[in-house]
Amino acid sequence: RIFKFRIKAFEQHLIKNLFRYGNMYFVYKICTAAMSFAFVKKLSLMGENYLTANAILGNVALVTEAFTSASNNTTNMLCSYWIGKNDNTGLRSFLSRMMKTSGLIHVFLTAMCLLGAEIIVKAFHVESELTFGLAVTAISLYSLCMPFNAINGIYRAYDLCSDRRISAYILTILNFFIMPVTSMLLITALGKPQHIWAAYVVGQGLVTLAVTGKMLSNWRALKN
């Protein structure tokens, strides 16, 4: 009976923590799914060439986002360590190094995608010249948001570790849904169809500006 009671208490505690910390990831997935649906629906109205180009972009994004995910998860884990030790100096130093390291990695990835976009698309044996051109444009534009994503993701991980979940929610919804979809709709309404991928870069850039401002205020708080 004691063993069963302890198991039950452990499960209740685990479920509580899953709801407390797992709901952040749930919101992230809902936002990205909604944004993906909006993009694909818009592209399907434009024709198969756009859908194929977007599929190629999706494969490239799966590889590059692995680096973003790695830096975010590392930040999440090590921020918890420094926060647990109540060492603001160590936390500030770690965040500074993490920003620089991840930033450099993602700048390198951006350069690789910009310079090698045509080589990457050729690997998919695309026959249509229109699809080839669209895929190259999509990869080139998407690569520009990689450094923004890196900074944004690290700061969101820090917010989550600091148990500032409301702030983390706001950043997630802005980052993965409101800004990209809103800018997408505005740009595609006013410009050419291929500008749909530029919208994501605009959304990431604007959110990163907001994140940077908030980060500076928290940096001062850490110093104090």
C-alpha atoms as a PDB file:
ATOM      1  CA  ARG A   1       0.000   0.000   0.000  1.00  0.00           C
ATOM      2  CA  ILE A   2       2.823   2.396   0.858  1.00  0.00           C
ATOM      3  CA  PHE A   3       4.520   1.575  -2.442  1.00  0.00           C
ATOM      4  CA  LYS A   4       1.298   2.191  -4.385  1.00  0.00           C
ATOM      5  CA  PHE A   5       0.753   5.458  -2.520  1.00  0.00           C
ATOM      6  CA  ARG A   6       4.257   6.672  -3.387  1.00  0.00           C
ATOM      7  CA  ILE A   7       3.818   5.737  -7.033  1.00  0.00           C
ATOM      8  CA  LYS A   8       0.506   7.573  -7.108  1.00  0.00           C
ATOM      9  CA  ALA A   9       2.017  10.665  -5.470  1.00  0.00           C
ATOM     10  CA  PHE A  10       4.921  10.562  -7.943  1.00  0.00           C
ATOM     11  CA  GLU A  11       2.543  10.304 -10.908  1.00  0.00           C
ATOM     12  CA  GLN A  12       0.473  13.233  -9.655  1.00  0.00           C
ATOM     13  CA  HIS A  13       3.612  15.332  -9.261  1.00  0.00           C
ATOM     14  CA  LEU A  14       4.829  14.299 -12.708  1.00  0.00           C
ATOM     15  CA  ILE A  15       1.489  15.093 -14.354  1.00  0.00           C
ATOM     16  CA  LYS A  16       1.450  18.478 -12.625  1.00  0.00           C
ATOM     17  CA  ASN A  17       4.901  19.304 -14.005  1.00  0.00           C
ATOM     18  CA  LEU A  18       3.947  18.043 -17.470  1.00  0.00           C
ATOM     19  CA  PHE A  19       1.039  20.458 -17.561  1.00  0.00           C
ATOM     20  CA  ARG A  20       3.128  23.231 -16.056  1.00  0.00           C
ATOM     21  CA  TYR A  21       6.116  23.013 -18.392  1.00  0.00           C
ATOM     22  CA  GLY A  22       4.844  20.898 -21.280  1.00  0.00           C
ATOM     23  CA  ASN A  23       2.054  23.303 -22.202  1.00  0.00           C
ATOM     24  CA  MET A  24       4.710  25.722 -23.483  1.00  0.00           C
ATOM     25  CA  TYR A  25       5.740  23.206 -26.139  1.00  0.00           C
ATOM     26  CA  PHE A  26       2.080  22.461 -26.879  1.00  0.00           C
ATOM     27  CA  VAL A  27       1.414  26.147 -27.620  1.00  0.00           C
ATOM     28  CA  TYR A  28       4.525  26.217 -29.812  1.00  0.00           C
ATOM     29  CA  LYS A  29       3.276  23.250 -31.862  1.00  0.00           C
ATOM     30  CA  ILE A  30      -0.236  24.695 -32.224  1.00  0.00           C
ATOM     31  CA  CYS A  31       1.216  28.003 -33.433  1.00  0.00           C
ATOM     32  CA  THR A  32       3.573  26.395 -35.936  1.00  0.00           C
ATOM     33  CA  ALA A  33       0.812  24.083 -37.213  1.00  0.00           C
ATOM     34  CA  ALA A  34      -1.538  27.051 -37.714  1.00  0.00           C
ATOM     35  CA  MET A  35       1.156  29.013 -39.517  1.00  0.00           C
ATOM     36  CA  SER A  36       2.050  26.018 -41.698  1.00  0.00           C
ATOM     37  CA  PHE A  37      -1.617  25.557 -42.609  1.00  0.00           C
ATOM     38  CA  ALA A  38      -1.887  29.225 -43.616  1.00  0.00           C
ATOM     39  CA  PHE A  39       1.262  29.010 -45.749  1.00  0.00           C
ATOM     40  CA  VAL A  40       0.350  25.767 -47.516  1.00  0.00           C
ATOM     41  CA  LYS A  41      -3.227  26.876 -48.160  1.00  0.00           C
ATOM     42  CA  LYS A  42      -1.965  30.094 -49.736  1.00  0.00           C
ATOM     43  CA  LEU A  43       0.654  28.257 -51.801  1.00  0.00           C
ATOM     44  CA  SER A  44      -1.824  25.626 -53.024  1.00  0.00           C
ATOM     45  CA  LEU A  45      -3.850  28.406 -54.645  1.00  0.00           C
ATOM     46  CA  MET A  46      -0.750  29.501 -56.551  1.00  0.00           C
ATOM     47  CA  GLY A  47       0.055  26.129 -58.107  1.00  0.00           C
ATOM     48  CA  GLU A  48       2.157  22.986 -57.775  1.00  0.00           C
ATOM     49  CA  ASN A  49       5.401  24.843 -58.438  1.00  0.00           C
ATOM     50  CA  TYR A  50       5.041  26.770 -55.180  1.00  0.00           C
ATOM     51  CA  LEU A  51       4.086  23.666 -53.218  1.00  0.00           C
ATOM     52  CA  THR A  52       7.130  21.774 -54.526  1.00  0.00           C
ATOM     53  CA  ALA A  53       9.448  24.690 -53.732  1.00  0.00           C
ATOM     54  CA  ASN A  54       8.000  24.885 -50.233  1.00  0.00           C
ATOM     55  CA  ALA A  55       8.522  21.126 -49.763  1.00  0.00           C
ATOM     56  CA  ILE A  56      12.210  21.529 -50.690  1.00  0.00           C
ATOM     57  CA  LEU A  57      12.462  24.415 -48.226  1.00  0.00           C
ATOM     58  CA  GLY A  58      10.881  22.216 -45.562  1.00  0.00           C
ATOM     59  CA  ASN A  59      13.584  19.569 -45.999  1.00  0.00           C
ATOM     60  CA  VAL A  60      16.335  22.172 -45.696  1.00  0.00           C
ATOM     61  CA  ALA A  61      14.652  23.664 -42.630  1.00  0.00           C
ATOM     62  CA  LEU A  62      14.556  20.253 -40.916  1.00  0.00           C
ATOM     63  CA  VAL A  63      18.363  20.119 -41.054  1.00  0.00           C
ATOM     64  CA  THR A  64      19.098  23.726 -40.080  1.00  0.00           C
ATOM     65  CA  GLU A  65      16.528  23.770 -37.275  1.00  0.00           C
ATOM     66  CA  ALA A  66      18.358  20.867 -35.636  1.00  0.00           C
ATOM     67  CA  PHE A  67      21.119  23.351 -34.732  1.00  0.00           C
ATOM     68  CA  THR A  68      18.571  25.841 -33.406  1.00  0.00           C
ATOM     69  CA  SER A  69      16.884  23.156 -31.345  1.00  0.00           C
ATOM     70  CA  ALA A  70      20.250  22.017 -29.943  1.00  0.00           C
ATOM     71  CA  SER A  71      21.186  25.533 -28.803  1.00  0.00           C
ATOM     72  CA  ASN A  72      17.730  26.108 -27.298  1.00  0.00           C
ATOM     73  CA  ASN A  73      17.758  22.817 -25.392  1.00  0.00           C
ATOM     74  CA  THR A  74      21.296  23.418 -24.143  1.00  0.00           C
ATOM     75  CA  THR A  75      20.253  26.869 -22.932  1.00  0.00           C
ATOM     76  CA  ASN A  76      17.208  25.379 -21.242  1.00  0.00           C
ATOM     77  CA  MET A  77      19.244  22.766 -19.380  1.00  0.00           C
ATOM     78  CA  LEU A  78      22.181  24.952 -18.306  1.00  0.00           C
ATOM     79  CA  CYS A  79      20.035  27.960 -17.380  1.00  0.00           C
ATOM     80  CA  SER A  80      18.257  25.695 -14.905  1.00  0.00           C
ATOM     81  CA  TYR A  81      21.636  24.789 -13.429  1.00  0.00           C
ATOM     82  CA  TRP A  82      22.759  28.400 -12.904  1.00  0.00           C
ATOM     83  CA  ILE A  83      19.348  29.508 -11.654  1.00  0.00           C
ATOM     84  CA  GLY A  84      19.345  26.599  -9.192  1.00  0.00           C
ATOM     85  CA  LYS A  85      22.695  27.767  -7.835  1.00  0.00           C
ATOM     86  CA  ASN A  86      21.387  31.358  -7.539  1.00  0.00           C
ATOM     87  CA  ASP A  87      24.475  32.477  -9.436  1.00  0.00           C
ATOM     88  CA  ASN A  88      23.460  35.488 -11.531  1.00  0.00           C
ATOM     89  CA  THR A  89      27.081  36.181 -12.533  1.00  0.00           C
ATOM     90  CA  GLY A  90      27.491  32.662 -13.910  1.00  0.00           C
ATOM     91  CA  LEU A  91      24.081  32.821 -15.613  1.00  0.00           C
ATOM     92  CA  ARG A  92      24.884  36.155 -17.261  1.00  0.00           C
ATOM     93  CA  SER A  93      28.263  34.889 -18.440  1.00  0.00           C
ATOM     94  CA  PHE A  94      26.737  31.667 -19.803  1.00  0.00           C
ATOM     95  CA  LEU A  95      23.958  33.496 -21.671  1.00  0.00           C
ATOM     96  CA  SER A  96      26.490  35.871 -23.220  1.00  0.00           C
ATOM     97  CA  ARG A  97      28.669  32.976 -24.448  1.00  0.00           C
ATOM     98  CA  MET A  98      25.645  31.037 -25.661  1.00  0.00           C
ATOM     99  CA  MET A  99      24.352  34.009 -27.670  1.00  0.00           C
ATOM    100  CA  LYS A 100      27.731  34.530 -29.346  1.00  0.00           C
ATOM    101  CA  THR A 101      28.361  30.849 -30.060  1.00  0.00           C
ATOM    102  CA  SER A 102      24.888  30.107 -31.415  1.00  0.00           C
ATOM    103  CA  GLY A 103      24.873  33.378 -33.349  1.00  0.00           C
ATOM    104  CA  LEU A 104      28.144  32.518 -35.099  1.00  0.00           C
ATOM    105  CA  ILE A 105      26.937  29.002 -35.941  1.00  0.00           C
ATOM    106  CA  HIS A 106      23.725  30.339 -37.469  1.00  0.00           C
ATOM    107  CA  VAL A 107      25.509  33.098 -39.380  1.00  0.00           C
ATOM    108  CA  PHE A 108      27.714  30.355 -40.880  1.00  0.00           C
ATOM    109  CA  LEU A 109      24.599  28.312 -41.771  1.00  0.00           C
ATOM    110  CA  THR A 110      23.035  31.387 -43.365  1.00  0.00           C
ATOM    111  CA  ALA A 111      26.145  31.970 -45.485  1.00  0.00           C
ATOM    112  CA  MET A 112      26.175  28.322 -46.580  1.00  0.00           C
ATOM    113  CA  CYS A 113      22.517  28.434 -47.636  1.00  0.00           C
ATOM    114  CA  LEU A 114      22.889  31.764 -49.429  1.00  0.00           C
ATOM    115  CA  LEU A 115      25.990  30.688 -51.351  1.00  0.00           C
ATOM    116  CA  GLY A 116      24.883  27.104 -51.948  1.00  0.00           C
ATOM    117  CA  ALA A 117      21.133  27.518 -52.537  1.00  0.00           C
ATOM    118  CA  GLU A 118      21.373  26.445 -56.186  1.00  0.00           C
ATOM    119  CA  ILE A 119      23.542  23.423 -55.330  1.00  0.00           C
ATOM    120  CA  ILE A 120      21.063  22.362 -52.637  1.00  0.00           C
ATOM    121  CA  VAL A 121      18.078  22.602 -54.999  1.00  0.00           C
ATOM    122  CA  LYS A 122      19.923  20.701 -57.755  1.00  0.00           C
ATOM    123  CA  ALA A 123      20.200  17.752 -55.380  1.00  0.00           C
ATOM    124  CA  PHE A 124      16.392  17.377 -55.613  1.00  0.00           C
ATOM    125  CA  HIS A 125      16.533  16.989 -59.445  1.00  0.00           C
ATOM    126  CA  VAL A 126      13.925  19.686 -60.112  1.00  0.00           C
ATOM    127  CA  GLU A 127      12.885  19.737 -63.771  1.00  0.00           C
ATOM    128  CA  SER A 128      10.805  22.931 -63.860  1.00  0.00           C
ATOM    129  CA  GLU A 129      12.802  26.159 -64.109  1.00  0.00           C
ATOM    130  CA  LEU A 130      10.059  28.030 -62.257  1.00  0.00           C
ATOM    131  CA  THR A 131      10.142  25.564 -59.345  1.00  0.00           C
ATOM    132  CA  PHE A 132      13.954  25.711 -59.307  1.00  0.00           C
ATOM    133  CA  GLY A 133      13.957  29.506 -59.118  1.00  0.00           C
ATOM    134  CA  LEU A 134      11.267  29.577 -56.435  1.00  0.00           C
ATOM    135  CA  ALA A 135      13.094  27.000 -54.293  1.00  0.00           C
ATOM    136  CA  VAL A 136      16.363  28.936 -54.529  1.00  0.00           C
ATOM    137  CA  THR A 137      14.538  32.134 -53.529  1.00  0.00           C
ATOM    138  CA  ALA A 138      12.761  30.393 -50.668  1.00  0.00           C
ATOM    139  CA  ILE A 139      15.963  28.893 -49.229  1.00  0.00           C
ATOM    140  CA  SER A 140      17.857  32.178 -49.580  1.00  0.00           C
ATOM    141  CA  LEU A 141      15.148  34.191 -47.836  1.00  0.00           C
ATOM    142  CA  TYR A 142      14.554  31.608 -45.132  1.00  0.00           C
ATOM    143  CA  SER A 143      18.254  31.434 -44.318  1.00  0.00           C
ATOM    144  CA  LEU A 144      18.207  35.125 -43.388  1.00  0.00           C
ATOM    145  CA  CYS A 145      15.987  34.426 -40.368  1.00  0.00           C
ATOM    146  CA  MET A 146      18.287  31.758 -38.892  1.00  0.00           C
ATOM    147  CA  PRO A 147      20.328  34.114 -36.647  1.00  0.00           C
ATOM    148  CA  PHE A 148      17.066  35.772 -35.518  1.00  0.00           C
ATOM    149  CA  ASN A 149      15.621  32.384 -34.603  1.00  0.00           C
ATOM    150  CA  ALA A 150      18.750  31.483 -32.641  1.00  0.00           C
ATOM    151  CA  ILE A 151      18.652  34.611 -30.451  1.00  0.00           C
ATOM    152  CA  ASN A 152      14.900  34.416 -30.010  1.00  0.00           C
ATOM    153  CA  GLY A 153      14.930  30.730 -29.075  1.00  0.00           C
ATOM    154  CA  ILE A 154      17.711  31.132 -26.500  1.00  0.00           C
ATOM    155  CA  TYR A 155      15.931  33.973 -24.775  1.00  0.00           C
ATOM    156  CA  ARG A 156      12.621  32.087 -24.790  1.00  0.00           C
ATOM    157  CA  ALA A 157      14.379  29.116 -23.170  1.00  0.00           C
ATOM    158  CA  TYR A 158      15.792  31.447 -20.503  1.00  0.00           C
ATOM    159  CA  ASP A 159      12.322  32.863 -19.841  1.00  0.00           C
ATOM    160  CA  LEU A 160      10.906  29.378 -19.462  1.00  0.00           C
ATOM    161  CA  CYS A 161      13.672  28.286 -17.073  1.00  0.00           C
ATOM    162  CA  SER A 162      13.099  31.438 -15.012  1.00  0.00           C
ATOM    163  CA  ASP A 163       9.445  30.360 -14.741  1.00  0.00           C
ATOM    164  CA  ARG A 164       8.344  33.504 -16.586  1.00  0.00           C
ATOM    165  CA  ARG A 165       5.844  31.482 -18.565  1.00  0.00           C
ATOM    166  CA  ILE A 166       3.617  34.406 -19.556  1.00  0.00           C
ATOM    167  CA  SER A 167       6.571  36.129 -21.205  1.00  0.00           C
ATOM    168  CA  ALA A 168       7.580  32.856 -22.891  1.00  0.00           C
ATOM    169  CA  TYR A 169       4.012  32.377 -24.178  1.00  0.00           C
ATOM    170  CA  ILE A 170       3.913  35.895 -25.633  1.00  0.00           C
ATOM    171  CA  LEU A 171       7.264  35.419 -27.379  1.00  0.00           C
ATOM    172  CA  THR A 172       6.210  32.045 -28.785  1.00  0.00           C
ATOM    173  CA  ILE A 173       2.896  33.267 -30.174  1.00  0.00           C
ATOM    174  CA  LEU A 174       4.508  36.392 -31.652  1.00  0.00           C
ATOM    175  CA  ASN A 175       7.465  34.465 -33.027  1.00  0.00           C
ATOM    176  CA  PHE A 176       5.696  31.512 -34.606  1.00  0.00           C
ATOM    177  CA  PHE A 177       2.261  32.818 -35.481  1.00  0.00           C
ATOM    178  CA  ILE A 178       1.202  36.461 -35.283  1.00  0.00           C
ATOM    179  CA  MET A 179       4.197  38.221 -36.860  1.00  0.00           C
ATOM    180  CA  PRO A 180       4.949  35.723 -39.674  1.00  0.00           C
ATOM    181  CA  VAL A 181       1.328  35.178 -40.711  1.00  0.00           C
ATOM    182  CA  THR A 182       0.382  38.862 -40.481  1.00  0.00           C
ATOM    183  CA  SER A 183       3.405  39.970 -42.495  1.00  0.00           C
ATOM    184  CA  MET A 184       2.789  37.119 -44.959  1.00  0.00           C
ATOM    185  CA  LEU A 185      -0.760  38.277 -45.611  1.00  0.00           C
ATOM    186  CA  LEU A 186       0.294  41.924 -45.988  1.00  0.00           C
ATOM    187  CA  ILE A 187       3.222  41.243 -48.313  1.00  0.00           C
ATOM    188  CA  THR A 188       1.393  38.740 -50.523  1.00  0.00           C
ATOM    189  CA  ALA A 189      -1.539  41.143 -50.810  1.00  0.00           C
ATOM    190  CA  LEU A 190       0.706  44.014 -51.915  1.00  0.00           C
ATOM    191  CA  GLY A 191       3.551  42.252 -53.716  1.00  0.00           C
ATOM    192  CA  LYS A 192       4.421  39.263 -55.872  1.00  0.00           C
ATOM    193  CA  PRO A 193       3.541  35.708 -54.799  1.00  0.00           C
ATOM    194  CA  GLN A 194       7.169  34.658 -54.155  1.00  0.00           C
ATOM    195  CA  HIS A 195       7.383  37.338 -51.461  1.00  0.00           C
ATOM    196  CA  ILE A 196       5.511  34.912 -49.233  1.00  0.00           C
ATOM    197  CA  TRP A 197       8.842  33.591 -47.887  1.00  0.00           C
ATOM    198  CA  ALA A 198      10.167  37.095 -47.258  1.00  0.00           C
ATOM    199  CA  ALA A 199       7.338  37.529 -44.764  1.00  0.00           C
ATOM    200  CA  TYR A 200       8.851  34.980 -42.421  1.00  0.00           C
ATOM    201  CA  VAL A 201      12.138  36.902 -42.383  1.00  0.00           C
ATOM    202  CA  VAL A 202      10.279  40.145 -41.638  1.00  0.00           C
ATOM    203  CA  GLY A 203       8.340  38.493 -38.826  1.00  0.00           C
ATOM    204  CA  GLN A 204      11.450  37.014 -37.231  1.00  0.00           C
ATOM    205  CA  GLY A 205      13.352  40.281 -37.492  1.00  0.00           C
ATOM    206  CA  LEU A 206      10.637  42.372 -35.860  1.00  0.00           C
ATOM    207  CA  VAL A 207      10.162  39.909 -33.027  1.00  0.00           C
ATOM    208  CA  THR A 208      13.919  39.782 -32.425  1.00  0.00           C
ATOM    209  CA  LEU A 209      13.999  43.574 -32.051  1.00  0.00           C
ATOM    210  CA  ALA A 210      11.328  43.319 -29.370  1.00  0.00           C
ATOM    211  CA  VAL A 211      13.176  40.433 -27.699  1.00  0.00           C
ATOM    212  CA  THR A 212      16.444  42.387 -27.698  1.00  0.00           C
ATOM    213  CA  GLY A 213      14.819  45.341 -25.939  1.00  0.00           C
ATOM    214  CA  LYS A 214      13.341  43.088 -23.273  1.00  0.00           C
ATOM    215  CA  MET A 215      16.614  41.187 -22.946  1.00  0.00           C
ATOM    216  CA  LEU A 216      18.538  44.385 -22.178  1.00  0.00           C
ATOM    217  CA  SER A 217      16.177  45.275 -19.347  1.00  0.00           C
ATOM    218  CA  ASN A 218      16.522  41.775 -17.864  1.00  0.00           C
ATOM    219  CA  TRP A 219      20.308  41.960 -18.302  1.00  0.00           C
ATOM    220  CA  ARG A 220      20.356  45.024 -16.047  1.00  0.00           C
ATOM    221  CA  ALA A 221      18.170  43.167 -13.550  1.00  0.00           C
ATOM    222  CA  LEU A 222      20.659  40.265 -13.522  1.00  0.00           C
ATOM    223  CA  LYS A 223      23.541  42.637 -12.836  1.00  0.00           C
ATOM    224  CA  ASN A 224      21.691  44.049  -9.836  1.00  0.00           C
END
